[in-house]
Amino acid sequence: MQADDAPRGNLRVLIVDDNADAAKALAILLGLWGHTTAVAHSGQAGIELAQSFKPRVMLLDISMPGMHGGEVAKSFRQNATHKDALIIAVTAHAAKDDRMVEWLEYFDAVLPKPCNLAALEDLLAAHVASGR
């Protein structure tokens, strides 16, 4: 996809990543694509922020201190408010990595770091099209 073809549905996207620079860069990019973003730098902060921000999409880093991204995703899946949210793991770990396998059921997709922007665009476009 070209930048001009990026999904334009104004999604509310929560980015949870302990790497502040990576989170900020992704938030800027998503903002350029027309989405509204919020950033948290820990799992617990992400859970708290989601209550007021009410995201339709969540991009969760997996390896964070304190709370694993899979634990964050599980928490979101157990909350009726977030039942229709698209939850994407953004991770340096492969999907078949033993540290990731037990958490896969809580994610709709897994994107390896560095994030493949075309794959992210496709996931967001599909979510916009689904109307969820």
Protein backbone atom coordinates (compact mmCIF):
# COMPACT_ATOMS: atom_id res chain seq x y z
CA MET A 1 0.00 0.00 0.00
CA GLN A 2 1.11 3.53 -0.71
CA ALA A 3 0.92 6.16 2.04
CA ASP A 4 -2.02 7.74 0.16
CA ASP A 5 -3.85 4.41 0.34
CA ALA A 6 -3.49 4.06 4.11
CA PRO A 7 -6.74 3.26 5.96
CA ARG A 8 -8.54 6.50 6.71
CA GLY A 9 -11.16 5.36 9.17
CA ASN A 10 -10.45 7.35 12.30
CA LEU A 11 -9.64 4.49 14.64
CA ARG A 12 -8.76 5.02 18.28
CA VAL A 13 -5.44 3.18 18.66
CA LEU A 14 -3.76 2.43 21.99
CA ILE A 15 -0.04 1.73 21.80
CA VAL A 16 1.51 0.00 24.81
CA ASP A 17 5.30 -0.26 24.58
CA ASP A 18 8.02 0.34 27.15
CA ASN A 19 10.27 1.72 24.38
CA ALA A 20 9.18 5.36 24.39
CA ASP A 21 10.82 6.19 21.05
CA ALA A 22 9.20 3.25 19.25
CA ALA A 23 5.79 4.06 20.73
CA LYS A 24 6.07 7.73 19.81
CA ALA A 25 7.16 6.96 16.24
CA LEU A 26 4.25 4.57 15.75
CA ALA A 27 1.82 7.09 17.24
CA ILE A 28 3.07 9.78 14.84
CA LEU A 29 2.69 7.46 11.85
CA LEU A 30 -0.81 6.41 12.85
CA GLY A 31 -1.72 10.07 13.35
CA LEU A 32 -0.55 10.82 9.81
CA TRP A 33 -2.83 8.01 8.64
CA GLY A 34 -5.75 9.81 10.31
CA HIS A 35 -6.09 7.79 13.50
CA THR A 36 -6.32 9.04 17.07
CA THR A 37 -3.66 7.55 19.33
CA ALA A 38 -2.80 7.21 22.98
CA VAL A 39 0.45 5.80 24.35
CA ALA A 40 1.26 3.96 27.56
CA HIS A 41 4.70 2.68 28.56
CA SER A 42 3.68 -0.21 30.80
CA GLY A 43 1.01 -2.87 30.79
CA GLN A 44 -0.74 -1.52 33.87
CA ALA A 45 -0.72 2.04 32.48
CA GLY A 46 -2.20 0.70 29.23
CA ILE A 47 -5.02 -1.07 31.05
CA GLU A 48 -5.82 2.10 33.01
CA LEU A 49 -5.64 4.35 29.93
CA ALA A 50 -7.93 2.06 27.93
CA GLN A 51 -10.76 2.67 30.40
CA SER A 52 -11.01 6.33 29.42
CA PHE A 53 -9.58 6.22 25.88
CA LYS A 54 -11.79 3.31 24.71
CA PRO A 55 -9.57 2.12 21.85
CA ARG A 56 -10.81 0.10 18.86
CA VAL A 57 -7.27 -1.13 18.21
CA MET A 58 -4.50 -2.04 20.65
CA LEU A 59 -0.87 -2.52 19.67
CA LEU A 60 0.88 -4.31 22.51
CA ASP A 61 4.57 -4.92 22.97
CA ILE A 62 5.17 -8.37 24.41
CA SER A 63 8.35 -8.05 26.49
CA MET A 64 7.73 -5.28 28.98
CA PRO A 65 8.89 -5.07 32.57
CA GLY A 66 6.23 -5.73 35.16
CA MET A 67 3.45 -7.03 32.97
CA HIS A 68 3.88 -9.15 29.84
CA GLY A 69 1.94 -7.93 26.79
CA GLY A 70 0.07 -11.23 26.75
CA GLU A 71 -1.21 -10.55 30.25
CA VAL A 72 -2.39 -7.14 29.07
CA ALA A 73 -4.20 -8.70 26.09
CA LYS A 74 -5.82 -11.30 28.35
CA SER A 75 -7.06 -8.52 30.63
CA PHE A 76 -8.58 -6.69 27.65
CA ARG A 77 -10.24 -9.87 26.35
CA GLN A 78 -11.87 -10.41 29.75
CA ASN A 79 -13.36 -6.90 29.70
CA ALA A 80 -16.64 -6.60 27.79
CA THR A 81 -15.79 -2.99 26.88
CA HIS A 82 -12.96 -4.22 24.65
CA LYS A 83 -14.60 -7.36 23.18
CA ASP A 84 -14.61 -6.01 19.61
CA ALA A 85 -11.18 -4.39 19.74
CA LEU A 86 -8.47 -5.52 17.36
CA ILE A 87 -5.54 -6.59 19.54
CA ILE A 88 -2.17 -6.89 17.81
CA ALA A 89 1.04 -8.15 19.39
CA VAL A 90 4.05 -6.19 18.19
CA THR A 91 7.05 -8.22 19.21
CA ALA A 92 10.66 -9.07 18.59
CA HIS A 93 9.73 -12.68 19.43
CA ALA A 94 8.53 -15.05 16.72
CA ALA A 95 4.92 -16.22 16.96
CA LYS A 96 6.22 -19.75 17.55
CA ASP A 97 8.54 -18.61 20.35
CA ASP A 98 7.77 -20.55 23.55
CA ARG A 99 7.43 -17.24 25.41
CA MET A 100 4.66 -16.20 23.00
CA VAL A 101 2.68 -19.38 22.29
CA GLU A 102 0.66 -19.40 25.51
CA TRP A 103 -0.61 -15.87 24.78
CA LEU A 104 -1.57 -16.21 21.10
CA GLU A 105 -5.25 -16.85 21.81
CA TYR A 106 -5.63 -13.30 23.16
CA PHE A 107 -4.34 -11.62 19.99
CA ASP A 108 -5.96 -11.16 16.60
CA ALA A 109 -2.58 -10.82 14.91
CA VAL A 110 1.15 -10.81 15.61
CA LEU A 111 3.49 -8.37 13.88
CA PRO A 112 7.25 -8.79 14.26
CA LYS A 113 9.47 -5.85 15.09
CA PRO A 114 10.36 -3.83 13.19
CA CYS A 115 6.72 -3.49 12.25
CA ASN A 116 5.83 -4.25 8.62
CA LEU A 117 3.82 -1.13 7.78
CA ALA A 118 1.99 -2.72 4.84
CA ALA A 119 0.82 -5.55 7.11
CA LEU A 120 -0.30 -3.04 9.74
CA GLU A 121 -2.19 -1.03 7.10
CA ASP A 122 -3.93 -4.19 5.93
CA LEU A 123 -4.98 -5.14 9.47
CA LEU A 124 -6.33 -1.66 10.17
CA ALA A 125 -8.17 -1.49 6.83
CA ALA A 126 -9.79 -4.87 7.49
CA HIS A 127 -10.85 -3.70 10.95
CA VAL A 128 -12.34 -0.50 9.53
CA ALA A 129 -14.19 -2.55 6.89
CA SER A 130 -15.55 -4.93 9.54
CA GLY A 131 -17.29 -2.07 11.32
CA ARG A 132 -16.24 -3.47 14.72
